[in-house]
Each structure stands twice: as C-alpha cells, then as structure tokens.
Amino acid sequence: MASVCASAQVGVPLIHSDPKLEPANVRELVNRYCRADYGGARLNPADWTKLQPLVAWRSNPEFPLFMVTSRFDVDPAVETEHNKYVVLAHYRILGKFDLAEGYSTESANLVRNVQFTVTEVNGEWRITDAEPGYPHVSSYAAIQWLNQKLGGSNDSLAKTVYQSALDRLQPKKTSPAAQ
C-alpha cells in the first residue's frame, strides 16, 4: 500500500477510474483554456504560465493575428476519436487585429469555431491541438495589449496602427451636452 501511495506522488500516469467522467473533465479543460485565452493570457508572455498546465506544447505559439471576441461557449458535445477527444468552442467575433494590417471588423458578428484536440500526455489530459490556433481575446484584453504596445513603441507607423485599433475598439464617449 505504501509503495502505491509513494509512486502516485512521483508522477506515475493517472489511472482513470470512471470513463464516464472523462468527457466532462476534457470539456472543463478546454473551458479553462478558453477562459484564460479570452482574458489575454496568450497576448502577455508573463501569463503563459496560466496556459502551460492545460496544453502539451512548451511555449506560446507565434501568431500573426488575434480575434477580438465578445464571448465564447464550449460545446457540450465531446467526440471521441482513437484515444483522443475533440471539443468545439464557439466564439462571437467582434473583429480581428492583424499584426501587419491593424484592426478590422469585417468578420464582426460571426460565430467562429475552434476545434480542440485533447489527448492523454503522461497520464494527464492536455490540449494537443487547437485549430485555428491564434488567440481569441476579449475587447478588454485587446485594449490592454494595444495600450501596452502603443506606450512601448517608437515606430510612428506602428503607433498609428495601435491608436487606430484602440479608437475602433473603445466605446465612444459622448459629452453631457450631446445627450
């Protein structure tokens, strides 16, 4: 008995006792990833530690763009394929910030799906793939990131792109006289 307890503490793969609970656990894992991503964890290198325990890759993948979203929903259906699970997350899109082109609302009000593949890695469920793999963040997280980039940039063209995106993302302030 002592050897079983001792081996459990040194990283021996988990024994999944109730396979009926696995889809719920996998769905919750994807939900935690989506929540952290929505909060901007992929945009801020210091927040990568929030996502590391959820994914199989070791570093934040490079991304040429990110989607600004108003909400996400993780689909209740979890599909099983060859010892892995596939889960869809549905994102309501507000716009897209392309690092080369700036902010665009051409895809606004659309619902886009991201397909997550979850596989057992060293005895724990991990997201092994997300397609498409770019960040999906809240407007608040996007505004924070843009403000940080604007404040840290010396490039006048980049500053113009960041400011333009901020102007389009931030709610319009009306003066009391206009009301």
N, C-alpha and C. Protein backbone atom coordinates (compact mmCIF):
# COMPACT_ATOMS: atom_id res chain seq x y z
N MET A 1 0.83 -1.20 0.00
CA MET A 1 0.00 0.00 0.00
C MET A 1 0.87 1.25 0.00
N ALA A 2 1.94 1.26 0.78
CA ALA A 2 2.81 2.42 0.86
C ALA A 2 3.50 2.67 -0.47
N SER A 3 3.85 1.59 -1.18
CA SER A 3 4.52 1.79 -2.47
C SER A 3 3.57 2.38 -3.50
N VAL A 4 2.28 2.04 -3.44
CA VAL A 4 1.30 2.61 -4.35
C VAL A 4 1.16 4.10 -4.08
N CYS A 5 1.06 4.49 -2.82
CA CYS A 5 0.94 5.91 -2.46
C CYS A 5 2.19 6.68 -2.85
N ALA A 6 3.35 6.08 -2.62
CA ALA A 6 4.61 6.75 -2.95
C ALA A 6 4.74 6.93 -4.45
N SER A 7 4.37 5.91 -5.23
CA SER A 7 4.50 6.05 -6.68
C SER A 7 3.52 7.07 -7.24
N ALA A 8 2.40 7.25 -6.61
CA ALA A 8 1.42 8.24 -7.08
C ALA A 8 1.94 9.65 -6.93
N GLN A 9 2.88 9.85 -6.02
CA GLN A 9 3.38 11.20 -5.78
C GLN A 9 4.57 11.55 -6.68
N VAL A 10 5.11 10.60 -7.44
CA VAL A 10 6.26 10.91 -8.27
C VAL A 10 5.91 10.99 -9.75
N GLY A 11 4.65 11.19 -10.08
CA GLY A 11 4.27 11.44 -11.45
C GLY A 11 3.92 10.23 -12.27
N VAL A 12 3.59 9.13 -11.66
CA VAL A 12 3.13 7.96 -12.40
C VAL A 12 1.81 8.33 -13.08
N PRO A 13 1.60 7.89 -14.32
CA PRO A 13 0.37 8.25 -15.02
C PRO A 13 -0.88 7.92 -14.20
N LEU A 14 -1.85 8.77 -14.33
CA LEU A 14 -3.10 8.61 -13.60
C LEU A 14 -3.87 7.40 -14.11
N ILE A 15 -4.56 6.75 -13.23
CA ILE A 15 -5.47 5.69 -13.61
C ILE A 15 -6.86 6.30 -13.58
N HIS A 16 -7.49 6.35 -14.73
CA HIS A 16 -8.80 6.97 -14.83
C HIS A 16 -9.85 5.97 -14.36
N SER A 17 -10.47 6.27 -13.23
CA SER A 17 -11.37 5.31 -12.60
C SER A 17 -12.76 5.26 -13.23
N ASP A 18 -13.25 6.38 -13.73
CA ASP A 18 -14.60 6.38 -14.27
C ASP A 18 -14.60 7.01 -15.66
N PRO A 19 -14.57 6.17 -16.71
CA PRO A 19 -14.51 6.71 -18.07
C PRO A 19 -15.69 7.60 -18.42
N LYS A 20 -16.80 7.47 -17.71
CA LYS A 20 -17.97 8.31 -17.99
C LYS A 20 -17.70 9.78 -17.63
N LEU A 21 -16.76 10.01 -16.72
CA LEU A 21 -16.44 11.38 -16.31
C LEU A 21 -15.42 12.05 -17.23
N GLU A 22 -14.73 11.28 -18.04
CA GLU A 22 -13.67 11.85 -18.88
C GLU A 22 -14.17 12.94 -19.82
N PRO A 23 -15.28 12.77 -20.54
CA PRO A 23 -15.73 13.87 -21.40
C PRO A 23 -15.98 15.17 -20.64
N ALA A 24 -16.52 15.08 -19.44
CA ALA A 24 -16.75 16.29 -18.63
C ALA A 24 -15.42 16.91 -18.21
N ASN A 25 -14.45 16.08 -17.85
CA ASN A 25 -13.12 16.60 -17.48
C ASN A 25 -12.43 17.26 -18.67
N VAL A 26 -12.55 16.64 -19.83
CA VAL A 26 -11.95 17.19 -21.05
C VAL A 26 -12.61 18.51 -21.41
N ARG A 27 -13.91 18.56 -21.33
CA ARG A 27 -14.66 19.79 -21.64
C ARG A 27 -14.25 20.92 -20.69
N GLU A 28 -14.09 20.60 -19.41
CA GLU A 28 -13.67 21.60 -18.43
C GLU A 28 -12.26 22.09 -18.72
N LEU A 29 -11.38 21.21 -19.15
CA LEU A 29 -10.02 21.59 -19.52
C LEU A 29 -10.06 22.62 -20.66
N VAL A 30 -10.84 22.35 -21.69
CA VAL A 30 -10.98 23.27 -22.82
C VAL A 30 -11.60 24.59 -22.34
N ASN A 31 -12.57 24.51 -21.47
CA ASN A 31 -13.21 25.72 -20.94
C ASN A 31 -12.18 26.58 -20.18
N ARG A 32 -11.32 25.96 -19.39
CA ARG A 32 -10.29 26.71 -18.66
C ARG A 32 -9.32 27.38 -19.63
N TYR A 33 -8.94 26.68 -20.69
CA TYR A 33 -8.07 27.26 -21.70
C TYR A 33 -8.74 28.47 -22.34
N CYS A 34 -9.99 28.30 -22.77
CA CYS A 34 -10.72 29.38 -23.44
C CYS A 34 -10.86 30.60 -22.53
N ARG A 35 -11.13 30.36 -21.25
CA ARG A 35 -11.27 31.46 -20.29
C ARG A 35 -9.97 32.24 -20.15
N ALA A 36 -8.84 31.51 -20.04
CA ALA A 36 -7.54 32.17 -19.91
C ALA A 36 -7.17 32.92 -21.19
N ASP A 37 -7.43 32.30 -22.34
CA ASP A 37 -7.14 32.93 -23.62
C ASP A 37 -8.01 34.19 -23.79
N TYR A 38 -9.29 34.09 -23.46
CA TYR A 38 -10.21 35.23 -23.53
C TYR A 38 -9.71 36.39 -22.66
N GLY A 39 -9.11 36.05 -21.53
CA GLY A 39 -8.57 37.06 -20.62
C GLY A 39 -7.25 37.65 -21.09
N GLY A 40 -6.69 37.13 -22.18
CA GLY A 40 -5.47 37.69 -22.75
C GLY A 40 -4.19 36.94 -22.41
N ALA A 41 -4.29 35.74 -21.88
CA ALA A 41 -3.09 35.00 -21.45
C ALA A 41 -2.11 34.75 -22.59
N ARG A 42 -2.60 34.60 -23.81
CA ARG A 42 -1.68 34.37 -24.94
C ARG A 42 -1.01 35.66 -25.39
N LEU A 43 -1.59 36.81 -25.07
CA LEU A 43 -1.01 38.09 -25.51
C LEU A 43 0.12 38.55 -24.59
N ASN A 44 0.09 38.13 -23.34
CA ASN A 44 1.06 38.58 -22.36
C ASN A 44 1.99 37.42 -22.00
N PRO A 45 3.27 37.50 -22.36
CA PRO A 45 4.19 36.40 -22.07
C PRO A 45 4.22 35.99 -20.59
N ALA A 46 4.01 36.93 -19.70
CA ALA A 46 4.02 36.60 -18.26
C ALA A 46 2.83 35.73 -17.87
N ASP A 47 1.77 35.75 -18.64
CA ASP A 47 0.57 34.95 -18.33
C ASP A 47 0.60 33.57 -18.96
N TRP A 48 1.64 33.25 -19.72
CA TRP A 48 1.73 31.94 -20.36
C TRP A 48 1.64 30.81 -19.33
N THR A 49 2.09 31.06 -18.11
CA THR A 49 2.04 30.02 -17.06
C THR A 49 0.61 29.59 -16.74
N LYS A 50 -0.37 30.42 -17.05
CA LYS A 50 -1.78 30.04 -16.84
C LYS A 50 -2.21 28.96 -17.83
N LEU A 51 -1.60 28.96 -19.01
CA LEU A 51 -1.98 28.01 -20.05
C LEU A 51 -1.11 26.77 -20.09
N GLN A 52 0.11 26.85 -19.61
CA GLN A 52 1.04 25.73 -19.68
C GLN A 52 0.49 24.43 -19.12
N PRO A 53 -0.19 24.43 -17.97
CA PRO A 53 -0.69 23.15 -17.45
C PRO A 53 -1.84 22.55 -18.27
N LEU A 54 -2.35 23.30 -19.22
CA LEU A 54 -3.50 22.85 -19.99
C LEU A 54 -3.13 22.32 -21.36
N VAL A 55 -1.92 22.61 -21.82
CA VAL A 55 -1.52 22.27 -23.19
C VAL A 55 -0.29 21.38 -23.21
N ALA A 56 -0.07 20.73 -24.34
CA ALA A 56 1.08 19.84 -24.49
C ALA A 56 2.32 20.58 -25.01
N TRP A 57 2.15 21.75 -25.64
CA TRP A 57 3.31 22.46 -26.17
C TRP A 57 3.99 23.27 -25.07
N ARG A 58 5.28 23.50 -25.24
CA ARG A 58 6.10 24.08 -24.18
C ARG A 58 6.14 25.61 -24.18
N SER A 59 5.80 26.23 -25.31
CA SER A 59 5.84 27.69 -25.35
C SER A 59 4.64 28.20 -26.14
N ASN A 60 4.36 29.46 -25.96
CA ASN A 60 3.24 30.09 -26.65
C ASN A 60 3.54 30.16 -28.14
N PRO A 61 2.73 29.52 -28.97
CA PRO A 61 3.00 29.57 -30.41
C PRO A 61 2.90 31.00 -30.94
N GLU A 62 3.73 31.30 -31.94
CA GLU A 62 3.69 32.60 -32.59
C GLU A 62 2.33 32.76 -33.26
N PHE A 63 1.86 34.00 -33.35
CA PHE A 63 0.58 34.25 -34.02
C PHE A 63 0.67 35.58 -34.78
N PRO A 64 0.16 35.59 -36.02
CA PRO A 64 0.19 36.81 -36.82
C PRO A 64 -1.03 37.70 -36.59
N LEU A 65 -2.02 37.16 -35.88
CA LEU A 65 -3.25 37.91 -35.65
C LEU A 65 -3.94 37.35 -34.41
N PHE A 66 -4.90 38.12 -33.91
CA PHE A 66 -5.78 37.59 -32.88
C PHE A 66 -7.19 38.09 -33.15
N MET A 67 -8.15 37.28 -32.70
CA MET A 67 -9.56 37.63 -32.86
C MET A 67 -10.03 38.30 -31.57
N VAL A 68 -10.78 39.37 -31.72
CA VAL A 68 -11.39 40.04 -30.58
C VAL A 68 -12.82 39.51 -30.50
N THR A 69 -13.17 38.99 -29.34
CA THR A 69 -14.45 38.30 -29.20
C THR A 69 -15.28 38.90 -28.07
N SER A 70 -16.59 38.73 -28.17
CA SER A 70 -17.47 39.20 -27.11
C SER A 70 -17.81 38.08 -26.13
N ARG A 71 -17.68 36.83 -26.61
CA ARG A 71 -17.98 35.70 -25.73
C ARG A 71 -17.54 34.41 -26.40
N PHE A 72 -17.52 33.35 -25.60
CA PHE A 72 -17.24 32.02 -26.14
C PHE A 72 -18.13 31.03 -25.40
N ASP A 73 -18.43 29.94 -26.06
CA ASP A 73 -19.18 28.84 -25.46
C ASP A 73 -18.49 27.55 -25.87
N VAL A 74 -18.25 26.69 -24.91
CA VAL A 74 -17.69 25.38 -25.21
C VAL A 74 -18.86 24.43 -25.45
N ASP A 75 -18.83 23.79 -26.59
CA ASP A 75 -19.92 22.89 -26.98
C ASP A 75 -20.06 21.76 -25.96
N PRO A 76 -21.29 21.43 -25.58
CA PRO A 76 -21.48 20.33 -24.62
C PRO A 76 -21.11 18.96 -25.20
N ALA A 77 -21.15 18.84 -26.52
CA ALA A 77 -20.81 17.55 -27.15
C ALA A 77 -19.29 17.39 -27.20
N VAL A 78 -18.84 16.23 -26.76
CA VAL A 78 -17.42 15.88 -26.80
C VAL A 78 -17.32 14.59 -27.61
N GLU A 79 -16.56 14.65 -28.70
CA GLU A 79 -16.41 13.48 -29.56
C GLU A 79 -15.14 12.72 -29.19
N THR A 80 -15.21 11.40 -29.32
CA THR A 80 -14.07 10.55 -29.06
C THR A 80 -13.55 9.99 -30.38
N GLU A 81 -12.23 10.11 -30.57
CA GLU A 81 -11.59 9.58 -31.78
C GLU A 81 -10.25 8.96 -31.40
N HIS A 82 -10.10 7.66 -31.51
CA HIS A 82 -8.81 6.98 -31.34
C HIS A 82 -8.03 7.48 -30.11
N ASN A 83 -8.55 7.30 -28.93
CA ASN A 83 -7.90 7.68 -27.67
C ASN A 83 -7.66 9.18 -27.52
N LYS A 84 -8.45 9.98 -28.20
CA LYS A 84 -8.39 11.42 -28.02
C LYS A 84 -9.80 11.97 -28.09
N TYR A 85 -9.95 13.18 -27.59
CA TYR A 85 -11.24 13.84 -27.60
C TYR A 85 -11.17 15.08 -28.48
N VAL A 86 -12.29 15.40 -29.10
CA VAL A 86 -12.40 16.61 -29.91
C VAL A 86 -13.54 17.45 -29.34
N VAL A 87 -13.23 18.71 -29.05
CA VAL A 87 -14.19 19.63 -28.44
C VAL A 87 -14.21 20.91 -29.26
N LEU A 88 -15.39 21.43 -29.53
CA LEU A 88 -15.52 22.69 -30.24
C LEU A 88 -15.83 23.82 -29.27
N ALA A 89 -15.22 24.96 -29.52
CA ALA A 89 -15.57 26.19 -28.81
C ALA A 89 -16.10 27.15 -29.86
N HIS A 90 -17.18 27.85 -29.53
CA HIS A 90 -17.82 28.79 -30.45
C HIS A 90 -17.55 30.20 -29.94
N TYR A 91 -16.99 31.05 -30.79
CA TYR A 91 -16.63 32.42 -30.43
C TYR A 91 -17.47 33.41 -31.21
N ARG A 92 -18.04 34.39 -30.52
CA ARG A 92 -18.74 35.50 -31.17
C ARG A 92 -17.68 36.56 -31.45
N ILE A 93 -17.44 36.85 -32.72
CA ILE A 93 -16.34 37.71 -33.15
C ILE A 93 -16.78 39.18 -33.20
N LEU A 94 -15.93 40.05 -32.66
CA LEU A 94 -16.12 41.49 -32.78
C LEU A 94 -15.24 42.06 -33.88
N GLY A 95 -14.07 41.48 -34.04
CA GLY A 95 -13.13 41.95 -35.05
C GLY A 95 -11.85 41.14 -35.00
N LYS A 96 -10.90 41.57 -35.82
CA LYS A 96 -9.62 40.88 -35.93
C LYS A 96 -8.52 41.92 -35.92
N PHE A 97 -7.48 41.65 -35.12
CA PHE A 97 -6.29 42.51 -35.17
C PHE A 97 -5.18 41.71 -35.82
N ASP A 98 -4.78 42.17 -37.01
CA ASP A 98 -3.69 41.55 -37.75
C ASP A 98 -2.44 42.38 -37.46
N LEU A 99 -1.36 41.73 -37.07
CA LEU A 99 -0.16 42.46 -36.69
C LEU A 99 0.41 43.28 -37.85
N ALA A 100 0.09 42.90 -39.08
CA ALA A 100 0.59 43.64 -40.25
C ALA A 100 -0.40 44.68 -40.76
N GLU A 101 -1.71 44.42 -40.56
CA GLU A 101 -2.72 45.27 -41.18
C GLU A 101 -3.55 46.10 -40.21
N GLY A 102 -3.51 45.81 -38.95
CA GLY A 102 -4.31 46.55 -37.98
C GLY A 102 -5.63 45.87 -37.68
N TYR A 103 -6.59 46.66 -37.18
CA TYR A 103 -7.87 46.15 -36.72
C TYR A 103 -8.93 46.23 -37.81
N SER A 104 -9.69 45.16 -37.94
CA SER A 104 -10.75 45.08 -38.94
C SER A 104 -12.00 44.49 -38.30
N THR A 105 -13.15 44.98 -38.71
CA THR A 105 -14.42 44.44 -38.20
C THR A 105 -15.17 43.67 -39.28
N GLU A 106 -14.50 43.30 -40.36
CA GLU A 106 -15.18 42.61 -41.46
C GLU A 106 -15.79 41.28 -41.05
N SER A 107 -15.25 40.63 -40.03
CA SER A 107 -15.80 39.35 -39.57
C SER A 107 -16.67 39.52 -38.33
N ALA A 108 -17.04 40.76 -38.01
CA ALA A 108 -17.84 41.03 -36.80
C ALA A 108 -19.20 40.35 -36.88
N ASN A 109 -19.69 39.98 -35.73
CA ASN A 109 -21.00 39.35 -35.54
C ASN A 109 -21.09 37.94 -36.12
N LEU A 110 -19.97 37.38 -36.49
CA LEU A 110 -19.95 35.99 -36.92
C LEU A 110 -19.60 35.10 -35.73
N VAL A 111 -20.02 33.86 -35.80
CA VAL A 111 -19.60 32.88 -34.82
C VAL A 111 -18.59 31.98 -35.50
N ARG A 112 -17.40 31.92 -34.93
CA ARG A 112 -16.33 31.09 -35.47
C ARG A 112 -16.05 29.96 -34.48
N ASN A 113 -15.74 28.80 -35.02
CA ASN A 113 -15.44 27.63 -34.20
C ASN A 113 -13.94 27.39 -34.14
N VAL A 114 -13.51 26.94 -32.98
CA VAL A 114 -12.15 26.45 -32.81
C VAL A 114 -12.28 25.00 -32.37
N GLN A 115 -11.55 24.12 -33.05
CA GLN A 115 -11.58 22.70 -32.70
C GLN A 115 -10.37 22.38 -31.85
N PHE A 116 -10.62 21.87 -30.66
CA PHE A 116 -9.56 21.47 -29.74
C PHE A 116 -9.44 19.96 -29.73
N THR A 117 -8.22 19.47 -29.81
CA THR A 117 -7.95 18.05 -29.66
C THR A 117 -7.28 17.85 -28.31
N VAL A 118 -7.82 16.94 -27.53
CA VAL A 118 -7.31 16.68 -26.18
C VAL A 118 -6.87 15.22 -26.13
N THR A 119 -5.65 15.00 -25.67
CA THR A 119 -5.05 13.68 -25.61
C THR A 119 -4.41 13.49 -24.24
N GLU A 120 -4.30 12.25 -23.82
CA GLU A 120 -3.62 11.96 -22.56
C GLU A 120 -2.11 12.04 -22.79
N VAL A 121 -1.44 12.88 -22.02
CA VAL A 121 0.01 13.06 -22.11
C VAL A 121 0.58 12.84 -20.72
N ASN A 122 1.39 11.82 -20.58
CA ASN A 122 1.99 11.48 -19.28
C ASN A 122 0.94 11.35 -18.17
N GLY A 123 -0.19 10.76 -18.53
CA GLY A 123 -1.22 10.48 -17.54
C GLY A 123 -2.16 11.62 -17.25
N GLU A 124 -2.02 12.73 -17.95
CA GLU A 124 -2.91 13.87 -17.72
C GLU A 124 -3.47 14.34 -19.05
N TRP A 125 -4.71 14.83 -19.03
CA TRP A 125 -5.32 15.35 -20.24
C TRP A 125 -4.68 16.68 -20.58
N ARG A 126 -4.31 16.83 -21.85
CA ARG A 126 -3.71 18.07 -22.35
C ARG A 126 -4.30 18.39 -23.72
N ILE A 127 -4.43 19.67 -24.00
CA ILE A 127 -4.79 20.10 -25.34
C ILE A 127 -3.55 19.91 -26.20
N THR A 128 -3.68 19.12 -27.25
CA THR A 128 -2.55 18.86 -28.13
C THR A 128 -2.66 19.61 -29.46
N ASP A 129 -3.84 20.17 -29.73
CA ASP A 129 -4.00 20.94 -30.95
C ASP A 129 -5.22 21.85 -30.81
N ALA A 130 -5.13 23.02 -31.39
CA ALA A 130 -6.26 23.96 -31.48
C ALA A 130 -6.23 24.53 -32.90
N GLU A 131 -7.34 24.39 -33.60
CA GLU A 131 -7.38 24.85 -34.99
C GLU A 131 -8.62 25.70 -35.23
N PRO A 132 -8.48 26.97 -35.57
CA PRO A 132 -7.26 27.71 -35.76
C PRO A 132 -6.60 28.04 -34.41
N GLY A 133 -5.29 28.22 -34.45
CA GLY A 133 -4.51 28.33 -33.22
C GLY A 133 -4.17 29.72 -32.76
N TYR A 134 -4.74 30.75 -33.35
CA TYR A 134 -4.43 32.09 -32.87
C TYR A 134 -5.30 32.44 -31.66
N PRO A 135 -4.89 33.46 -30.90
CA PRO A 135 -5.65 33.84 -29.70
C PRO A 135 -7.05 34.37 -30.03
N HIS A 136 -7.96 34.17 -29.09
CA HIS A 136 -9.33 34.71 -29.13
C HIS A 136 -9.53 35.43 -27.81
N VAL A 137 -9.47 36.75 -27.85
CA VAL A 137 -9.43 37.54 -26.61
C VAL A 137 -10.64 38.47 -26.49
N SER A 138 -10.88 38.92 -25.27
CA SER A 138 -11.95 39.89 -25.02
C SER A 138 -11.49 41.26 -25.53
N SER A 139 -12.45 42.16 -25.71
CA SER A 139 -12.08 43.52 -26.13
C SER A 139 -11.25 44.19 -25.03
N TYR A 140 -11.55 43.90 -23.78
CA TYR A 140 -10.78 44.46 -22.66
C TYR A 140 -9.31 44.03 -22.75
N ALA A 141 -9.06 42.73 -22.99
CA ALA A 141 -7.69 42.23 -23.11
C ALA A 141 -7.00 42.84 -24.32
N ALA A 142 -7.73 42.99 -25.43
CA ALA A 142 -7.16 43.59 -26.63
C ALA A 142 -6.77 45.05 -26.38
N ILE A 143 -7.64 45.78 -25.69
CA ILE A 143 -7.37 47.19 -25.39
C ILE A 143 -6.15 47.31 -24.49
N GLN A 144 -6.04 46.44 -23.49
CA GLN A 144 -4.87 46.47 -22.61
C GLN A 144 -3.59 46.22 -23.41
N TRP A 145 -3.62 45.22 -24.27
CA TRP A 145 -2.45 44.86 -25.07
C TRP A 145 -2.07 46.01 -26.01
N LEU A 146 -3.07 46.58 -26.68
CA LEU A 146 -2.81 47.68 -27.59
C LEU A 146 -2.24 48.89 -26.87
N ASN A 147 -2.77 49.21 -25.69
CA ASN A 147 -2.22 50.33 -24.90
C ASN A 147 -0.77 50.07 -24.52
N GLN A 148 -0.46 48.83 -24.14
CA GLN A 148 0.91 48.47 -23.78
C GLN A 148 1.83 48.61 -25.00
N LYS A 149 1.38 48.12 -26.14
CA LYS A 149 2.18 48.23 -27.36
C LYS A 149 2.36 49.69 -27.78
N LEU A 150 1.30 50.47 -27.68
CA LEU A 150 1.35 51.88 -28.04
C LEU A 150 2.37 52.61 -27.17
N GLY A 151 2.33 52.35 -25.87
CA GLY A 151 3.25 53.01 -24.94
C GLY A 151 4.69 52.59 -25.11
N GLY A 152 4.92 51.38 -25.61
CA GLY A 152 6.29 50.87 -25.72
C GLY A 152 6.89 50.98 -27.11
N SER A 153 6.16 51.57 -28.05
CA SER A 153 6.65 51.63 -29.43
C SER A 153 7.25 52.99 -29.75
N ASN A 154 8.35 52.97 -30.51
CA ASN A 154 8.96 54.20 -31.01
C ASN A 154 8.70 54.37 -32.50
N ASP A 155 8.06 53.39 -33.11
CA ASP A 155 7.78 53.39 -34.54
C ASP A 155 6.47 54.15 -34.79
N SER A 156 6.54 55.24 -35.53
CA SER A 156 5.34 56.07 -35.73
C SER A 156 4.25 55.33 -36.51
N LEU A 157 4.62 54.49 -37.48
CA LEU A 157 3.63 53.72 -38.22
C LEU A 157 2.92 52.72 -37.29
N ALA A 158 3.69 52.02 -36.46
CA ALA A 158 3.09 51.07 -35.51
C ALA A 158 2.18 51.81 -34.54
N LYS A 159 2.60 52.96 -34.06
CA LYS A 159 1.77 53.74 -33.14
C LYS A 159 0.45 54.13 -33.80
N THR A 160 0.49 54.47 -35.07
CA THR A 160 -0.74 54.82 -35.79
C THR A 160 -1.67 53.61 -35.88
N VAL A 161 -1.11 52.44 -36.17
CA VAL A 161 -1.91 51.21 -36.26
C VAL A 161 -2.54 50.89 -34.90
N TYR A 162 -1.74 50.97 -33.84
CA TYR A 162 -2.26 50.68 -32.50
C TYR A 162 -3.33 51.69 -32.09
N GLN A 163 -3.09 52.97 -32.34
CA GLN A 163 -4.06 54.00 -31.96
C GLN A 163 -5.36 53.85 -32.74
N SER A 164 -5.25 53.55 -34.03
CA SER A 164 -6.44 53.35 -34.85
C SER A 164 -7.27 52.18 -34.30
N ALA A 165 -6.60 51.10 -33.94
CA ALA A 165 -7.31 49.94 -33.37
C ALA A 165 -7.97 50.31 -32.05
N LEU A 166 -7.26 51.05 -31.22
CA LEU A 166 -7.84 51.49 -29.94
C LEU A 166 -9.07 52.36 -30.16
N ASP A 167 -8.99 53.27 -31.11
CA ASP A 167 -10.12 54.15 -31.39
C ASP A 167 -11.35 53.35 -31.82
N ARG A 168 -11.13 52.28 -32.56
CA ARG A 168 -12.24 51.47 -33.05
C ARG A 168 -12.78 50.51 -31.99
N LEU A 169 -11.92 50.12 -31.06
CA LEU A 169 -12.33 49.15 -30.02
C LEU A 169 -12.99 49.81 -28.81
N GLN A 170 -12.52 50.99 -28.46
CA GLN A 170 -13.04 51.63 -27.25
C GLN A 170 -14.39 52.25 -27.52
N PRO A 171 -15.29 52.15 -26.53
CA PRO A 171 -16.61 52.76 -26.71
C PRO A 171 -16.48 54.27 -26.87
N LYS A 172 -17.32 54.79 -27.71
CA LYS A 172 -17.33 56.24 -27.95
C LYS A 172 -17.85 56.95 -26.70
N LYS A 173 -17.12 57.98 -26.31
CA LYS A 173 -17.53 58.79 -25.15
C LYS A 173 -18.31 59.98 -25.67
N THR A 174 -19.50 60.16 -25.12
CA THR A 174 -20.30 61.31 -25.53
C THR A 174 -20.24 62.36 -24.44
N SER A 175 -20.25 63.59 -24.86
CA SER A 175 -20.23 64.67 -23.87
C SER A 175 -21.62 64.83 -23.27
N PRO A 176 -21.71 65.35 -22.05
CA PRO A 176 -23.02 65.54 -21.43
C PRO A 176 -23.92 66.46 -22.27
N ALA A 177 -23.35 67.41 -22.99
CA ALA A 177 -24.14 68.34 -23.80
C ALA A 177 -24.79 67.61 -24.98
N ALA A 178 -24.13 66.55 -25.49
CA ALA A 178 -24.67 65.82 -26.63
C ALA A 178 -25.84 64.92 -26.23
N GLN A 179 -25.96 64.63 -24.97
CA GLN A 179 -27.04 63.76 -24.51
C GLN A 179 -28.26 64.58 -24.35
